[in-house]
Amino acid sequence: MTLKEALCELGVQDDTLSEEEKNQLDRNGFCLLPKILNTVQVKQMIDMLQYLFDKEQIGQPGYPIVCFDMQNKSDVFDICITHPRLLAGISHVLKDNFRLYGIHSWPKPPGHGNSPLHIDYGGAPTGYYIVCNSIWMLTDFNQENGCTRIVPGSHRWGISPQEKMKDPKASFPTEILLTGSAGDIVIFNSHVWHGSTLNQSSTPRWSLNSYWRLREGPLEKKSRVRGSLSIEARARLRPPALCLFQ
C-alpha cells in the first residue's frame, strides 16, 4: 500500500482542510483545528497519561515528565495517528512524503514550562520542511497555564531563534500565544519558532504531540527507534495506519 492510498482510505481528501486552513499553514506555519476530540476521549487520554507517568516514573518528582511512543502503550491514542484532519495538515506541510515519529507527552505541572523559542530541525534550506508536529490540547490552553507561544511566519526565515536572539527565553515582538479548548489540536510546521510558557496556574496543563517527519531525509537513521511499533500495536492497527510507520 502506498502512502497516498493509505491517506485516501483514512479519509483524507483534497477538501479535508479548507483553503484558508492550508493558507494558514503556509503563511503562519500553524493552524488550529477545533473540537477534534470529544470530552470522553479527552478524559480517557488524561487518565491513561496519569497511569503511564505513575507506572514509568520518568523524570524527577515535580519536574515535567516525558512519555515517549505512546502508540505502543494504549489504543486511546490511535486517533492521534489516523484522524483525517490531522493527516491532511501534515500532508500539506510535508508533501505526501512522511511517517510518524511517535506520540509523546510533556505535561506542564504548576511552576514549570517557560522553554526557549526553538525550532525542531535546523539547517534545512528555506522552504524545505523536514518535520511537522501537532499539539493535542487535553486541557484548555490559556495565558495562565503555560500554553505554547509561536512566532507566525518564522518558518520562512531560514534562521533559528538562537541565531537571532540574545535570549531565546525572552519574548519576541511578534510572538503569539496558542490558546484553545480541551479537544482542539494545532498543527504546526516544526521549523516555526515555538516554545512553552510558564504554568502559573495550580493544575497541570495536559497535552500530547503526534510528531511527523519526512520518510527519507536527514532524520532517517536517528529516528527508526523513535516512532517504531510494538508487536501488539502492529496487530491492533489497520493496514492504512501501519503504512504511516513505514
Protein backbone atom coordinates (compact mmCIF):
# COMPACT_ATOMS: atom_id res chain seq x y z
CA MET A 1 0.00 0.00 0.00
CA THR A 2 1.33 3.43 -0.92
CA LEU A 3 1.07 6.39 1.41
CA LYS A 4 -1.33 8.08 -0.99
CA GLU A 5 -3.61 5.01 -0.93
CA ALA A 6 -3.41 4.84 2.86
CA LEU A 7 -4.37 8.51 3.24
CA CYS A 8 -7.33 8.01 0.93
CA GLU A 9 -8.55 5.01 2.96
CA LEU A 10 -8.19 7.05 6.15
CA GLY A 11 -10.49 9.72 4.72
CA VAL A 12 -8.02 12.36 3.56
CA GLN A 13 -9.33 14.27 0.53
CA ASP A 14 -8.34 17.50 -1.20
CA ASP A 15 -11.01 19.37 0.77
CA THR A 16 -10.40 17.76 4.19
CA LEU A 17 -8.76 21.06 5.11
CA SER A 18 -10.25 24.30 3.83
CA GLU A 19 -8.21 26.57 1.58
CA GLU A 20 -7.97 29.06 4.45
CA GLU A 21 -6.59 26.39 6.78
CA LYS A 22 -3.98 25.44 4.17
CA ASN A 23 -3.12 29.11 3.72
CA GLN A 24 -2.64 29.46 7.47
CA LEU A 25 -0.14 26.61 7.43
CA ASP A 26 1.70 28.20 4.51
CA ARG A 27 1.58 31.77 5.76
CA ASN A 28 1.78 31.45 9.55
CA GLY A 29 3.25 27.97 9.97
CA PHE A 30 0.38 26.68 12.10
CA CYS A 31 -3.37 26.07 12.06
CA LEU A 32 -5.86 25.49 14.90
CA LEU A 33 -8.41 22.72 14.31
CA PRO A 34 -11.19 22.96 16.93
CA LYS A 35 -13.15 20.15 18.57
CA ILE A 36 -11.24 17.19 17.17
CA LEU A 37 -11.67 15.26 20.43
CA ASN A 38 -14.84 14.94 22.48
CA THR A 39 -14.96 15.10 26.28
CA VAL A 40 -14.90 11.30 26.66
CA GLN A 41 -11.78 10.97 24.51
CA VAL A 42 -10.05 13.79 26.40
CA LYS A 43 -10.74 12.13 29.77
CA GLN A 44 -9.56 8.73 28.52
CA MET A 45 -6.28 10.22 27.35
CA ILE A 46 -5.64 12.12 30.59
CA ASP A 47 -6.43 9.02 32.66
CA MET A 48 -4.03 6.95 30.55
CA LEU A 49 -1.29 9.59 30.77
CA GLN A 50 -1.58 9.69 34.55
CA TYR A 51 -1.34 5.89 34.64
CA LEU A 52 1.70 5.83 32.35
CA PHE A 53 3.57 8.55 34.22
CA ASP A 54 2.94 6.81 37.56
CA LYS A 55 3.98 3.45 36.11
CA GLU A 56 7.11 4.52 34.29
CA GLN A 57 8.34 7.06 36.85
CA ILE A 58 10.22 9.05 34.23
CA GLY A 59 11.84 12.25 35.43
CA GLN A 60 12.34 13.79 38.86
CA PRO A 61 9.48 14.40 41.32
CA GLY A 62 7.69 17.62 40.49
CA TYR A 63 9.53 18.08 37.20
CA PRO A 64 7.86 17.94 33.77
CA ILE A 65 7.84 14.26 32.87
CA VAL A 66 8.06 12.95 29.34
CA CYS A 67 6.46 9.80 27.95
CA PHE A 68 7.55 8.60 24.51
CA ASP A 69 5.99 6.32 21.89
CA MET A 70 2.53 6.09 23.36
CA GLN A 71 1.31 4.47 20.14
CA ASN A 72 2.69 1.30 21.75
CA LYS A 73 1.02 1.82 25.12
CA SER A 74 -2.72 2.27 24.52
CA ASP A 75 -5.27 2.35 21.74
CA VAL A 76 -6.81 5.52 23.22
CA PHE A 77 -4.11 7.44 21.32
CA ASP A 78 -4.85 5.86 17.92
CA ILE A 79 -6.86 8.88 16.82
CA CYS A 80 -3.62 10.91 17.09
CA ILE A 81 -2.34 8.75 14.24
CA THR A 82 -5.36 8.41 11.99
CA HIS A 83 -7.63 11.47 12.22
CA PRO A 84 -8.12 12.69 8.63
CA ARG A 85 -7.91 16.40 9.51
CA LEU A 86 -4.59 15.81 11.24
CA LEU A 87 -3.23 13.81 8.32
CA ALA A 88 -4.39 16.39 5.79
CA GLY A 89 -2.44 19.08 7.63
CA ILE A 90 0.72 17.00 7.97
CA SER A 91 0.47 16.03 4.32
CA HIS A 92 0.12 19.66 3.27
CA VAL A 93 3.36 20.62 5.06
CA LEU A 94 5.43 17.54 4.21
CA LYS A 95 4.02 16.97 0.71
CA ASP A 96 2.73 13.38 0.93
CA ASN A 97 6.11 12.01 1.99
CA PHE A 98 6.05 11.41 5.74
CA ARG A 99 5.95 8.89 8.57
CA LEU A 100 5.10 9.08 12.25
CA TYR A 101 7.92 9.94 14.65
CA GLY A 102 5.80 8.88 17.62
CA ILE A 103 3.17 10.12 20.07
CA HIS A 104 4.76 11.83 23.07
CA SER A 105 3.75 13.96 26.03
CA TRP A 106 5.37 16.65 28.16
CA PRO A 107 2.65 17.79 30.58
CA LYS A 108 3.45 21.02 32.38
CA PRO A 109 2.81 20.96 36.14
CA PRO A 110 2.40 24.21 38.06
CA GLY A 111 5.59 26.25 38.18
CA HIS A 112 7.18 24.64 35.11
CA GLY A 113 7.47 25.38 31.42
CA ASN A 114 8.97 28.58 30.03
CA SER A 115 11.16 26.90 27.43
CA PRO A 116 13.22 28.99 24.98
CA LEU A 117 11.97 29.64 21.49
CA HIS A 118 13.40 26.95 19.21
CA ILE A 119 12.90 25.02 16.01
CA ASP A 120 12.84 21.24 15.81
CA TYR A 121 15.26 20.95 12.93
CA GLY A 122 17.94 23.43 11.88
CA GLY A 123 19.98 23.78 8.74
CA ALA A 124 17.31 22.91 6.18
CA PRO A 125 17.06 25.18 3.11
CA THR A 126 14.30 27.77 3.34
CA GLY A 127 11.06 26.24 2.11
CA TYR A 128 12.26 22.65 2.57
CA TYR A 129 10.47 21.19 5.57
CA ILE A 130 11.60 18.04 7.34
CA VAL A 131 9.44 17.86 10.47
CA CYS A 132 5.85 18.73 11.38
CA ASN A 133 4.12 18.49 14.74
CA SER A 134 0.67 18.55 16.29
CA ILE A 135 -0.37 19.61 19.78
CA TRP A 136 -3.42 17.87 21.22
CA MET A 137 -4.93 20.06 23.95
CA LEU A 138 -6.25 17.90 26.76
CA THR A 139 -6.94 20.91 28.99
CA ASP A 140 -7.77 24.43 27.94
CA PHE A 141 -4.67 26.30 26.81
CA ASN A 142 -4.60 29.83 28.22
CA GLN A 143 -2.18 32.55 29.21
CA GLU A 144 -2.08 31.36 32.82
CA ASN A 145 -1.35 27.64 32.43
CA GLY A 146 1.70 27.64 30.19
CA CYS A 147 0.31 27.49 26.66
CA THR A 148 2.66 27.31 23.69
CA ARG A 149 3.97 30.52 22.15
CA ILE A 150 4.77 30.75 18.45
CA VAL A 151 6.18 33.33 16.04
CA PRO A 152 3.94 33.37 12.93
CA GLY A 153 5.78 33.14 9.63
CA SER A 154 9.17 32.35 11.19
CA HIS A 155 9.35 29.01 9.36
CA ARG A 156 10.08 31.04 6.21
CA TRP A 157 13.02 32.98 7.67
CA GLY A 158 15.70 30.28 7.39
CA ILE A 159 17.20 31.20 10.77
CA SER A 160 16.83 29.87 14.32
CA PRO A 161 15.96 31.90 17.44
CA GLN A 162 19.41 31.10 18.84
CA GLU A 163 20.99 32.82 15.83
CA LYS A 164 18.69 35.85 16.01
CA MET A 165 18.05 36.48 19.72
CA LYS A 166 20.38 37.18 22.61
CA ASP A 167 17.99 35.33 24.91
CA PRO A 168 15.56 32.88 23.25
CA LYS A 169 13.65 32.65 26.54
CA ALA A 170 12.71 36.30 26.15
CA SER A 171 9.54 37.42 24.39
CA PHE A 172 9.78 38.09 20.67
CA PRO A 173 7.88 41.17 19.38
CA THR A 174 5.61 39.23 17.01
CA GLU A 175 5.04 36.07 19.08
CA ILE A 176 1.50 34.99 19.92
CA LEU A 177 0.03 32.52 22.40
CA LEU A 178 -1.69 29.40 21.09
CA THR A 179 -4.83 29.36 23.19
CA GLY A 180 -7.67 26.90 22.75
CA SER A 181 -10.06 24.47 24.40
CA ALA A 182 -9.62 20.88 25.51
CA GLY A 183 -10.20 18.75 22.42
CA ASP A 184 -8.65 21.23 19.97
CA ILE A 185 -5.45 20.47 18.11
CA VAL A 186 -2.84 22.69 16.50
CA ILE A 187 -0.83 21.50 13.52
CA PHE A 188 2.41 23.42 13.18
CA ASN A 189 5.38 23.34 10.86
CA SER A 190 8.20 22.40 13.24
CA HIS A 191 10.51 24.88 11.53
CA VAL A 192 8.44 27.72 13.02
CA TRP A 193 9.79 29.31 16.21
CA HIS A 194 7.92 27.94 19.22
CA GLY A 195 8.24 27.20 22.93
CA SER A 196 6.18 26.70 26.07
CA THR A 197 5.37 29.36 28.64
CA LEU A 198 5.34 29.13 32.42
CA ASN A 199 2.41 27.35 34.02
CA GLN A 200 1.29 29.88 36.63
CA SER A 201 -1.93 28.01 37.48
CA SER A 202 -2.50 25.48 40.26
CA THR A 203 -3.17 22.50 37.97
CA PRO A 204 -1.19 20.59 35.30
CA ARG A 205 -1.51 21.62 31.67
CA TRP A 206 -2.10 18.30 29.89
CA SER A 207 -1.30 17.80 26.23
CA LEU A 208 0.38 15.41 23.85
CA ASN A 209 2.07 15.57 20.47
CA SER A 210 1.97 13.37 17.42
CA TYR A 211 5.15 14.18 15.58
CA TRP A 212 5.93 13.54 11.90
CA ARG A 213 8.95 13.67 9.61
CA LEU A 214 9.96 13.01 6.03
CA ARG A 215 10.14 9.34 5.16
CA GLU A 216 13.57 9.79 3.63
CA GLY A 217 15.84 12.51 4.87
CA PRO A 218 18.36 13.66 7.48
CA LEU A 219 16.48 12.14 10.44
CA GLU A 220 16.18 8.66 8.93
CA LYS A 221 18.98 6.92 10.83
CA LYS A 222 18.25 8.66 14.12
CA SER A 223 14.50 8.08 14.17
CA ARG A 224 14.00 4.42 13.42
CA VAL A 225 13.84 3.57 17.12
CA ARG A 226 11.64 6.55 17.98
CA GLY A 227 8.31 6.07 16.27
CA SER A 228 8.64 2.29 15.99
CA LEU A 229 5.75 -0.11 16.60
CA SER A 230 5.46 -2.90 19.13
CA ILE A 231 4.15 -6.32 18.12
CA GLU A 232 0.90 -5.57 19.95
CA ALA A 233 0.42 -2.26 18.15
CA ARG A 234 1.09 -3.86 14.76
CA ALA A 235 -1.60 -6.43 15.48
CA ARG A 236 -4.07 -3.72 16.54
CA LEU A 237 -3.72 -1.16 13.75
CA ARG A 238 -5.29 -1.50 10.30
CA PRO A 239 -3.06 -1.59 7.16
CA PRO A 240 -3.61 2.11 6.26
CA ALA A 241 -2.43 3.14 9.73
CA LEU A 242 0.53 0.76 9.57
CA CYS A 243 1.58 2.43 6.35
CA LEU A 244 2.14 5.65 8.30
CA PHE A 245 5.05 3.98 10.13
CA GLN A 246 6.95 2.80 7.04
